Amino acid sequence: MFTTEQIVAAVTSQENIERIDLLLKREDVKGMLLKHKITAADIRQRLPKLAPSELQNLADQIADMPETDSSNLVALAPSPLILLLELTGYTDISTSF
């Protein structure tokens, strides 16, 4: 049997994955990822393995980004993209200091 909290957490995690996936579908984001030899599909495979709090943090950062055209994305996207790469294991910035 599942508790209400478990059901809400599962639904929230799925909603966050869907919000992140919208970002991953953008051509400019795909291009930025490909510069690091990472595909959106690679990221999508790893998202379900993240803790609910990690997904929430990432989704919140993406939601906080202002609406912009792709020419400004380079300046605005690094934080969420770096976090995405860090959380999915493609980078290990936190241990490099």
PDB file of N, CA and C in Angstrom:
ATOM      1  N   MET A   1       0.832  -1.171   0.000  1.00  0.00           N
ATOM      2  CA  MET A   1       0.000   0.000   0.000  1.00  0.00           C
ATOM      3  C   MET A   1       0.886   1.248   0.000  1.00  0.00           C
ATOM      4  N   PHE A   2       0.466   2.253  -0.717  1.00  0.00           N
ATOM      5  CA  PHE A   2       1.199   3.507  -0.820  1.00  0.00           C
ATOM      6  C   PHE A   2       0.563   4.569   0.060  1.00  0.00           C
ATOM      7  N   THR A   3       1.420   5.418   0.623  1.00  0.00           N
ATOM      8  CA  THR A   3       0.903   6.528   1.405  1.00  0.00           C
ATOM      9  C   THR A   3       0.588   7.688   0.471  1.00  0.00           C
ATOM     10  N   THR A   4      -0.178   8.616   0.962  1.00  0.00           N
ATOM     11  CA  THR A   4      -0.497   9.810   0.181  1.00  0.00           C
ATOM     12  C   THR A   4       0.771  10.556  -0.189  1.00  0.00           C
ATOM     13  N   GLU A   5       1.711  10.635   0.737  1.00  0.00           N
ATOM     14  CA  GLU A   5       2.959  11.341   0.487  1.00  0.00           C
ATOM     15  C   GLU A   5       3.751  10.691  -0.645  1.00  0.00           C
ATOM     16  N   GLN A   6       3.762   9.362  -0.684  1.00  0.00           N
ATOM     17  CA  GLN A   6       4.482   8.657  -1.742  1.00  0.00           C
ATOM     18  C   GLN A   6       3.842   8.912  -3.107  1.00  0.00           C
ATOM     19  N   ILE A   7       2.531   8.931  -3.136  1.00  0.00           N
ATOM     20  CA  ILE A   7       1.819   9.167  -4.398  1.00  0.00           C
ATOM     21  C   ILE A   7       2.071  10.590  -4.876  1.00  0.00           C
ATOM     22  N   VAL A   8       1.983  11.552  -3.955  1.00  0.00           N
ATOM     23  CA  VAL A   8       2.225  12.948  -4.322  1.00  0.00           C
ATOM     24  C   VAL A   8       3.666  13.129  -4.802  1.00  0.00           C
ATOM     25  N   ALA A   9       4.622  12.509  -4.129  1.00  0.00           N
ATOM     26  CA  ALA A   9       6.026  12.615  -4.534  1.00  0.00           C
ATOM     27  C   ALA A   9       6.242  12.032  -5.924  1.00  0.00           C
ATOM     28  N   ALA A  10       5.600  10.900  -6.206  1.00  0.00           N
ATOM     29  CA  ALA A  10       5.750  10.273  -7.522  1.00  0.00           C
ATOM     30  C   ALA A  10       5.146  11.155  -8.620  1.00  0.00           C
ATOM     31  N   VAL A  11       3.984  11.721  -8.356  1.00  0.00           N
ATOM     32  CA  VAL A  11       3.334  12.591  -9.343  1.00  0.00           C
ATOM     33  C   VAL A  11       4.173  13.844  -9.552  1.00  0.00           C
ATOM     34  N   THR A  12       4.651  14.436  -8.465  1.00  0.00           N
ATOM     35  CA  THR A  12       5.471  15.643  -8.562  1.00  0.00           C
ATOM     36  C   THR A  12       6.762  15.360  -9.329  1.00  0.00           C
ATOM     37  N   SER A  13       7.410  14.244  -9.056  1.00  0.00           N
ATOM     38  CA  SER A  13       8.631  13.887  -9.781  1.00  0.00           C
ATOM     39  C   SER A  13       8.356  13.746 -11.270  1.00  0.00           C
ATOM     40  N   GLN A  14       7.250  13.102 -11.615  1.00  0.00           N
ATOM     41  CA  GLN A  14       6.908  12.930 -13.026  1.00  0.00           C
ATOM     42  C   GLN A  14       6.631  14.282 -13.679  1.00  0.00           C
ATOM     43  N   GLU A  15       5.932  15.163 -12.977  1.00  0.00           N
ATOM     44  CA  GLU A  15       5.683  16.507 -13.516  1.00  0.00           C
ATOM     45  C   GLU A  15       6.998  17.259 -13.723  1.00  0.00           C
ATOM     46  N   ASN A  16       7.923  17.131 -12.785  1.00  0.00           N
ATOM     47  CA  ASN A  16       9.218  17.798 -12.918  1.00  0.00           C
ATOM     48  C   ASN A  16      10.010  17.243 -14.087  1.00  0.00           C
ATOM     49  N   ILE A  17       9.966  15.929 -14.282  1.00  0.00           N
ATOM     50  CA  ILE A  17      10.640  15.322 -15.427  1.00  0.00           C
ATOM     51  C   ILE A  17      10.054  15.874 -16.726  1.00  0.00           C
ATOM     52  N   GLU A  18       8.740  16.033 -16.771  1.00  0.00           N
ATOM     53  CA  GLU A  18       8.093  16.574 -17.967  1.00  0.00           C
ATOM     54  C   GLU A  18       8.507  18.024 -18.208  1.00  0.00           C
ATOM     55  N   ARG A  19       8.641  18.816 -17.146  1.00  0.00           N
ATOM     56  CA  ARG A  19       9.082  20.211 -17.282  1.00  0.00           C
ATOM     57  C   ARG A  19      10.515  20.261 -17.800  1.00  0.00           C
ATOM     58  N   ILE A  20      11.369  19.403 -17.282  1.00  0.00           N
ATOM     59  CA  ILE A  20      12.766  19.353 -17.731  1.00  0.00           C
ATOM     60  C   ILE A  20      12.823  18.887 -19.183  1.00  0.00           C
ATOM     61  N   ASP A  21      11.971  17.935 -19.528  1.00  0.00           N
ATOM     62  CA  ASP A  21      11.947  17.412 -20.891  1.00  0.00           C
ATOM     63  C   ASP A  21      11.588  18.496 -21.903  1.00  0.00           C
ATOM     64  N   LEU A  22      10.717  19.420 -21.514  1.00  0.00           N
ATOM     65  CA  LEU A  22      10.392  20.528 -22.417  1.00  0.00           C
ATOM     66  C   LEU A  22      11.642  21.333 -22.762  1.00  0.00           C
ATOM     67  N   LEU A  23      12.502  21.548 -21.782  1.00  0.00           N
ATOM     68  CA  LEU A  23      13.753  22.249 -22.037  1.00  0.00           C
ATOM     69  C   LEU A  23      14.651  21.425 -22.954  1.00  0.00           C
ATOM     70  N   LEU A  24      14.697  20.119 -22.715  1.00  0.00           N
ATOM     71  CA  LEU A  24      15.564  19.251 -23.512  1.00  0.00           C
ATOM     72  C   LEU A  24      15.122  19.157 -24.966  1.00  0.00           C
ATOM     73  N   LYS A  25      13.878  19.491 -25.270  1.00  0.00           N
ATOM     74  CA  LYS A  25      13.372  19.434 -26.637  1.00  0.00           C
ATOM     75  C   LYS A  25      13.770  20.655 -27.461  1.00  0.00           C
ATOM     76  N   ARG A  26      14.237  21.698 -26.787  1.00  0.00           N
ATOM     77  CA  ARG A  26      14.629  22.911 -27.503  1.00  0.00           C
ATOM     78  C   ARG A  26      15.900  22.665 -28.296  1.00  0.00           C
ATOM     79  N   GLU A  27      15.905  23.143 -29.538  1.00  0.00           N
ATOM     80  CA  GLU A  27      17.064  22.941 -30.418  1.00  0.00           C
ATOM     81  C   GLU A  27      18.316  23.607 -29.865  1.00  0.00           C
ATOM     82  N   ASP A  28      18.164  24.786 -29.264  1.00  0.00           N
ATOM     83  CA  ASP A  28      19.343  25.472 -28.746  1.00  0.00           C
ATOM     84  C   ASP A  28      19.940  24.720 -27.559  1.00  0.00           C
ATOM     85  N   VAL A  29      19.096  24.101 -26.752  1.00  0.00           N
ATOM     86  CA  VAL A  29      19.591  23.316 -25.620  1.00  0.00           C
ATOM     87  C   VAL A  29      20.261  22.044 -26.127  1.00  0.00           C
ATOM     88  N   LYS A  30      19.647  21.408 -27.110  1.00  0.00           N
ATOM     89  CA  LYS A  30      20.272  20.220 -27.710  1.00  0.00           C
ATOM     90  C   LYS A  30      21.666  20.555 -28.237  1.00  0.00           C
ATOM     91  N   GLY A  31      21.786  21.717 -28.865  1.00  0.00           N
ATOM     92  CA  GLY A  31      23.079  22.134 -29.396  1.00  0.00           C
ATOM     93  C   GLY A  31      24.106  22.335 -28.299  1.00  0.00           C
ATOM     94  N   MET A  32      23.677  22.944 -27.185  1.00  0.00           N
ATOM     95  CA  MET A  32      24.599  23.152 -26.071  1.00  0.00           C
ATOM     96  C   MET A  32      25.049  21.822 -25.478  1.00  0.00           C
ATOM     97  N   LEU A  33      24.127  20.876 -25.375  1.00  0.00           N
ATOM     98  CA  LEU A  33      24.477  19.559 -24.837  1.00  0.00           C
ATOM     99  C   LEU A  33      25.424  18.822 -25.776  1.00  0.00           C
ATOM    100  N   LEU A  34      25.150  18.917 -27.068  1.00  0.00           N
ATOM    101  CA  LEU A  34      25.990  18.217 -28.044  1.00  0.00           C
ATOM    102  C   LEU A  34      27.418  18.736 -28.042  1.00  0.00           C
ATOM    103  N   LYS A  35      27.605  20.002 -27.659  1.00  0.00           N
ATOM    104  CA  LYS A  35      28.973  20.527 -27.535  1.00  0.00           C
ATOM    105  C   LYS A  35      29.761  19.752 -26.482  1.00  0.00           C
ATOM    106  N   HIS A  36      29.037  19.155 -25.546  1.00  0.00           N
ATOM    107  CA  HIS A  36      29.668  18.338 -24.498  1.00  0.00           C
ATOM    108  C   HIS A  36      29.550  16.844 -24.814  1.00  0.00           C
ATOM    109  N   LYS A  37      29.139  16.545 -26.065  1.00  0.00           N
ATOM    110  CA  LYS A  37      28.960  15.166 -26.535  1.00  0.00           C
ATOM    111  C   LYS A  37      27.926  14.405 -25.711  1.00  0.00           C
ATOM    112  N   ILE A  38      26.850  15.108 -25.349  1.00  0.00           N
ATOM    113  CA  ILE A  38      25.746  14.535 -24.579  1.00  0.00           C
ATOM    114  C   ILE A  38      24.472  14.770 -25.367  1.00  0.00           C
ATOM    115  N   THR A  39      23.630  13.769 -25.433  1.00  0.00           N
ATOM    116  CA  THR A  39      22.351  13.933 -26.108  1.00  0.00           C
ATOM    117  C   THR A  39      21.242  14.106 -25.071  1.00  0.00           C
ATOM    118  N   ALA A  40      20.148  14.682 -25.528  1.00  0.00           N
ATOM    119  CA  ALA A  40      18.986  14.833 -24.650  1.00  0.00           C
ATOM    120  C   ALA A  40      18.494  13.453 -24.200  1.00  0.00           C
ATOM    121  N   ALA A  41      18.619  12.461 -25.065  1.00  0.00           N
ATOM    122  CA  ALA A  41      18.205  11.097 -24.701  1.00  0.00           C
ATOM    123  C   ALA A  41      19.042  10.560 -23.543  1.00  0.00           C
ATOM    124  N   ASP A  42      20.338  10.883 -23.539  1.00  0.00           N
ATOM    125  CA  ASP A  42      21.202  10.465 -22.429  1.00  0.00           C
ATOM    126  C   ASP A  42      20.693  11.041 -21.113  1.00  0.00           C
ATOM    127  N   ILE A  43      20.346  12.319 -21.141  1.00  0.00           N
ATOM    128  CA  ILE A  43      19.846  12.983 -19.937  1.00  0.00           C
ATOM    129  C   ILE A  43      18.512  12.367 -19.516  1.00  0.00           C
ATOM    130  N   ARG A  44      17.617  12.160 -20.488  1.00  0.00           N
ATOM    131  CA  ARG A  44      16.295  11.598 -20.171  1.00  0.00           C
ATOM    132  C   ARG A  44      16.406  10.238 -19.467  1.00  0.00           C
ATOM    133  N   GLN A  45      17.385   9.434 -19.856  1.00  0.00           N
ATOM    134  CA  GLN A  45      17.565   8.130 -19.225  1.00  0.00           C
ATOM    135  C   GLN A  45      17.952   8.259 -17.759  1.00  0.00           C
ATOM    136  N   ARG A  46      18.660   9.321 -17.421  1.00  0.00           N
ATOM    137  CA  ARG A  46      19.152   9.480 -16.056  1.00  0.00           C
ATOM    138  C   ARG A  46      18.187  10.229 -15.136  1.00  0.00           C
ATOM    139  N   LEU A  47      17.265  10.979 -15.686  1.00  0.00           N
ATOM    140  CA  LEU A  47      16.359  11.762 -14.852  1.00  0.00           C
ATOM    141  C   LEU A  47      15.578  10.925 -13.830  1.00  0.00           C
ATOM    142  N   PRO A  48      15.030   9.778 -14.202  1.00  0.00           N
ATOM    143  CA  PRO A  48      14.274   9.004 -13.205  1.00  0.00           C
ATOM    144  C   PRO A  48      15.115   8.522 -12.018  1.00  0.00           C
ATOM    145  N   LYS A  49      16.423   8.532 -12.167  1.00  0.00           N
ATOM    146  CA  LYS A  49      17.299   8.076 -11.089  1.00  0.00           C
ATOM    147  C   LYS A  49      17.583   9.173 -10.061  1.00  0.00           C
ATOM    148  N   LEU A  50      17.210  10.414 -10.377  1.00  0.00           N
ATOM    149  CA  LEU A  50      17.462  11.516  -9.457  1.00  0.00           C
ATOM    150  C   LEU A  50      16.482  11.484  -8.289  1.00  0.00           C
ATOM    151  N   ALA A  51      16.928  11.990  -7.171  1.00  0.00           N
ATOM    152  CA  ALA A  51      16.060  12.110  -6.000  1.00  0.00           C
ATOM    153  C   ALA A  51      14.982  13.152  -6.294  1.00  0.00           C
ATOM    154  N   PRO A  52      13.808  13.005  -5.691  1.00  0.00           N
ATOM    155  CA  PRO A  52      12.747  13.999  -5.908  1.00  0.00           C
ATOM    156  C   PRO A  52      13.206  15.432  -5.619  1.00  0.00           C
ATOM    157  N   SER A  53      14.024  15.614  -4.603  1.00  0.00           N
ATOM    158  CA  SER A  53      14.495  16.966  -4.282  1.00  0.00           C
ATOM    159  C   SER A  53      15.413  17.515  -5.373  1.00  0.00           C
ATOM    160  N   GLU A  54      16.213  16.651  -6.002  1.00  0.00           N
ATOM    161  CA  GLU A  54      17.088  17.079  -7.089  1.00  0.00           C
ATOM    162  C   GLU A  54      16.259  17.480  -8.316  1.00  0.00           C
ATOM    163  N   LEU A  55      15.250  16.678  -8.618  1.00  0.00           N
ATOM    164  CA  LEU A  55      14.365  17.015  -9.734  1.00  0.00           C
ATOM    165  C   LEU A  55      13.654  18.333  -9.474  1.00  0.00           C
ATOM    166  N   GLN A  56      13.188  18.518  -8.244  1.00  0.00           N
ATOM    167  CA  GLN A  56      12.475  19.748  -7.894  1.00  0.00           C
ATOM    168  C   GLN A  56      13.395  20.956  -8.023  1.00  0.00           C
ATOM    169  N   ASN A  57      14.618  20.826  -7.539  1.00  0.00           N
ATOM    170  CA  ASN A  57      15.588  21.917  -7.617  1.00  0.00           C
ATOM    171  C   ASN A  57      15.854  22.294  -9.069  1.00  0.00           C
ATOM    172  N   LEU A  58      16.054  21.315  -9.898  1.00  0.00           N
ATOM    173  CA  LEU A  58      16.330  21.557 -11.310  1.00  0.00           C
ATOM    174  C   LEU A  58      15.119  22.190 -11.998  1.00  0.00           C
ATOM    175  N   ALA A  59      13.941  21.643 -11.759  1.00  0.00           N
ATOM    176  CA  ALA A  59      12.724  22.181 -12.364  1.00  0.00           C
ATOM    177  C   ALA A  59      12.476  23.617 -11.901  1.00  0.00           C
ATOM    178  N   ASP A  60      12.744  23.899 -10.638  1.00  0.00           N
ATOM    179  CA  ASP A  60      12.575  25.261 -10.118  1.00  0.00           C
ATOM    180  C   ASP A  60      13.524  26.234 -10.797  1.00  0.00           C
ATOM    181  N   GLN A  61      14.774  25.825 -10.991  1.00  0.00           N
ATOM    182  CA  GLN A  61      15.740  26.706 -11.660  1.00  0.00           C
ATOM    183  C   GLN A  61      15.325  26.979 -13.098  1.00  0.00           C
ATOM    184  N   ILE A  62      14.814  25.963 -13.769  1.00  0.00           N
ATOM    185  CA  ILE A  62      14.360  26.146 -15.146  1.00  0.00           C
ATOM    186  C   ILE A  62      13.156  27.081 -15.168  1.00  0.00           C
ATOM    187  N   ALA A  63      12.238  26.907 -14.237  1.00  0.00           N
ATOM    188  CA  ALA A  63      11.039  27.754 -14.177  1.00  0.00           C
ATOM    189  C   ALA A  63      11.395  29.205 -13.872  1.00  0.00           C
ATOM    190  N   ASP A  64      12.467  29.418 -13.123  1.00  0.00           N
ATOM    191  CA  ASP A  64      12.886  30.772 -12.753  1.00  0.00           C
ATOM    192  C   ASP A  64      13.600  31.507 -13.883  1.00  0.00           C
ATOM    193  N   MET A  65      13.968  30.776 -14.931  1.00  0.00           N
ATOM    194  CA  MET A  65      14.629  31.423 -16.057  1.00  0.00           C
ATOM    195  C   MET A  65      13.622  32.310 -16.778  1.00  0.00           C
ATOM    196  N   PRO A  66      14.003  33.537 -17.128  1.00  0.00           N
ATOM    197  CA  PRO A  66      13.079  34.407 -17.857  1.00  0.00           C
ATOM    198  C   PRO A  66      12.853  33.886 -19.269  1.00  0.00           C
ATOM    199  N   GLU A  67      11.687  34.222 -19.807  1.00  0.00           N
ATOM    200  CA  GLU A  67      11.408  33.865 -21.196  1.00  0.00           C
ATOM    201  C   GLU A  67      12.378  34.651 -22.078  1.00  0.00           C
ATOM    202  N   THR A  68      12.961  33.983 -23.031  1.00  0.00           N
ATOM    203  CA  THR A  68      13.945  34.646 -23.889  1.00  0.00           C
ATOM    204  C   THR A  68      14.029  33.935 -25.226  1.00  0.00           C
ATOM    205  N   ASP A  69      14.641  34.593 -26.158  1.00  0.00           N
ATOM    206  CA  ASP A  69      14.906  33.914 -27.421  1.00  0.00           C
ATOM    207  C   ASP A  69      16.228  33.163 -27.294  1.00  0.00           C
ATOM    208  N   SER A  70      16.538  32.355 -28.267  1.00  0.00           N
ATOM    209  CA  SER A  70      17.708  31.491 -28.163  1.00  0.00           C
ATOM    210  C   SER A  70      19.023  32.266 -28.134  1.00  0.00           C
ATOM    211  N   SER A  71      19.026  33.513 -28.636  1.00  0.00           N
ATOM    212  CA  SER A  71      20.274  34.271 -28.622  1.00  0.00           C
ATOM    213  C   SER A  71      20.711  34.627 -27.204  1.00  0.00           C
ATOM    214  N   ASN A  72      19.769  34.713 -26.283  1.00  0.00           N
ATOM    215  CA  ASN A  72      20.091  35.031 -24.891  1.00  0.00           C
ATOM    216  C   ASN A  72      20.228  33.785 -24.027  1.00  0.00           C
ATOM    217  N   LEU A  73      19.920  32.638 -24.546  1.00  0.00           N
ATOM    218  CA  LEU A  73      19.955  31.414 -23.747  1.00  0.00           C
ATOM    219  C   LEU A  73      21.363  31.112 -23.249  1.00  0.00           C
ATOM    220  N   VAL A  74      22.356  31.409 -24.046  1.00  0.00           N
ATOM    221  CA  VAL A  74      23.732  31.114 -23.654  1.00  0.00           C
ATOM    222  C   VAL A  74      24.063  31.794 -22.330  1.00  0.00           C
ATOM    223  N   ALA A  75      23.574  33.004 -22.135  1.00  0.00           N
ATOM    224  CA  ALA A  75      23.851  33.732 -20.899  1.00  0.00           C
ATOM    225  C   ALA A  75      22.985  33.256 -19.743  1.00  0.00           C
ATOM    226  N   LEU A  76      21.773  32.782 -20.031  1.00  0.00           N
ATOM    227  CA  LEU A  76      20.822  32.451 -18.972  1.00  0.00           C
ATOM    228  C   LEU A  76      20.821  30.982 -18.575  1.00  0.00           C
ATOM    229  N   ALA A  77      21.194  30.103 -19.473  1.00  0.00           N
ATOM    230  CA  ALA A  77      21.031  28.676 -19.244  1.00  0.00           C
ATOM    231  C   ALA A  77      22.144  27.970 -18.496  1.00  0.00           C
ATOM    232  N   PRO A  78      23.327  28.515 -18.382  1.00  0.00           N
ATOM    233  CA  PRO A  78      24.392  27.712 -17.782  1.00  0.00           C
ATOM    234  C   PRO A  78      24.071  27.113 -16.425  1.00  0.00           C
ATOM    235  N   SER A  79      23.470  27.858 -15.537  1.00  0.00           N
ATOM    236  CA  SER A  79      23.215  27.320 -14.203  1.00  0.00           C
ATOM    237  C   SER A  79      22.342  26.066 -14.234  1.00  0.00           C
ATOM    238  N   PRO A  80      21.150  26.112 -14.853  1.00  0.00           N
ATOM    239  CA  PRO A  80      20.357  24.879 -14.914  1.00  0.00           C
ATOM    240  C   PRO A  80      21.024  23.760 -15.704  1.00  0.00           C
ATOM    241  N   LEU A  81      21.722  24.105 -16.783  1.00  0.00           N
ATOM    242  CA  LEU A  81      22.374  23.058 -17.570  1.00  0.00           C
ATOM    243  C   LEU A  81      23.539  22.438 -16.808  1.00  0.00           C
ATOM    244  N   ILE A  82      24.305  23.259 -16.117  1.00  0.00           N
ATOM    245  CA  ILE A  82      25.399  22.704 -15.315  1.00  0.00           C
ATOM    246  C   ILE A  82      24.832  21.815 -14.216  1.00  0.00           C
ATOM    247  N   LEU A  83      23.771  22.272 -13.568  1.00  0.00           N
ATOM    248  CA  LEU A  83      23.131  21.454 -12.538  1.00  0.00           C
ATOM    249  C   LEU A  83      22.619  20.147 -13.131  1.00  0.00           C
ATOM    250  N   LEU A  84      22.018  20.220 -14.303  1.00  0.00           N
ATOM    251  CA  LEU A  84      21.520  19.021 -14.972  1.00  0.00           C
ATOM    252  C   LEU A  84      22.656  18.048 -15.258  1.00  0.00           C
ATOM    253  N   LEU A  85      23.772  18.566 -15.773  1.00  0.00           N
ATOM    254  CA  LEU A  85      24.927  17.709 -16.058  1.00  0.00           C
ATOM    255  C   LEU A  85      25.514  17.130 -14.778  1.00  0.00           C
ATOM    256  N   GLU A  86      25.550  17.931 -13.727  1.00  0.00           N
ATOM    257  CA  GLU A  86      26.088  17.475 -12.437  1.00  0.00           C
ATOM    258  C   GLU A  86      25.196  16.380 -11.838  1.00  0.00           C
ATOM    259  N   LEU A  87      23.907  16.618 -11.822  1.00  0.00           N
ATOM    260  CA  LEU A  87      22.989  15.666 -11.187  1.00  0.00           C
ATOM    261  C   LEU A  87      22.899  14.346 -11.946  1.00  0.00           C
ATOM    262  N   THR A  88      23.078  14.403 -13.242  1.00  0.00           N
ATOM    263  CA  THR A  88      22.984  13.184 -14.049  1.00  0.00           C
ATOM    264  C   THR A  88      24.316  12.485 -14.211  1.00  0.00           C
ATOM    265  N   GLY A  89      25.369  13.042 -13.570  1.00  0.00           N
ATOM    266  CA  GLY A  89      26.643  12.345 -13.545  1.00  0.00           C
ATOM    267  C   GLY A  89      27.569  12.611 -14.713  1.00  0.00           C
ATOM    268  N   TYR A  90      27.233  13.556 -15.581  1.00  0.00           N
ATOM    269  CA  TYR A  90      28.112  13.832 -16.707  1.00  0.00           C
ATOM    270  C   TYR A  90      29.276  14.714 -16.321  1.00  0.00           C
ATOM    271  N   THR A  91      29.132  15.472 -15.252  1.00  0.00           N
ATOM    272  CA  THR A  91      30.241  16.268 -14.722  1.00  0.00           C
ATOM    273  C   THR A  91      30.346  16.003 -13.237  1.00  0.00           C
ATOM    274  N   ASP A  92      31.442  16.409 -12.666  1.00  0.00           N
ATOM    275  CA  ASP A  92      31.629  16.247 -11.225  1.00  0.00           C
ATOM    276  C   ASP A  92      32.296  17.512 -10.688  1.00  0.00           C
ATOM    277  N   ILE A  93      31.609  18.607 -10.862  1.00  0.00           N
ATOM    278  CA  ILE A  93      32.146  19.906 -10.479  1.00  0.00           C
ATOM    279  C   ILE A  93      32.335  20.001  -8.970  1.00  0.00           C
ATOM    280  N   SER A  94      31.413  19.440  -8.217  1.00  0.00           N
ATOM    281  CA  SER A  94      31.423  19.616  -6.762  1.00  0.00           C
ATOM    282  C   SER A  94      32.671  19.044  -6.101  1.00  0.00           C
ATOM    283  N   THR A  95      33.326  18.093  -6.724  1.00  0.00           N
ATOM    284  CA  THR A  95      34.529  17.502  -6.121  1.00  0.00           C
ATOM    285  C   THR A  95      35.823  18.064  -6.691  1.00  0.00           C
ATOM    286  N   SER A  96      35.700  19.033  -7.597  1.00  0.00           N
ATOM    287  CA  SER A  96      36.901  19.556  -8.230  1.00  0.00           C
ATOM    288  C   SER A  96      37.482  20.753  -7.504  1.00  0.00           C
ATOM    289  N   PHE A  97      36.911  21.114  -6.370  1.00  0.00           N
ATOM    290  CA  PHE A  97      37.426  22.266  -5.597  1.00  0.00           C
ATOM    291  C   PHE A  97      38.172  21.796  -4.386  1.00  0.00           C
TER     292      PHE A  97
END
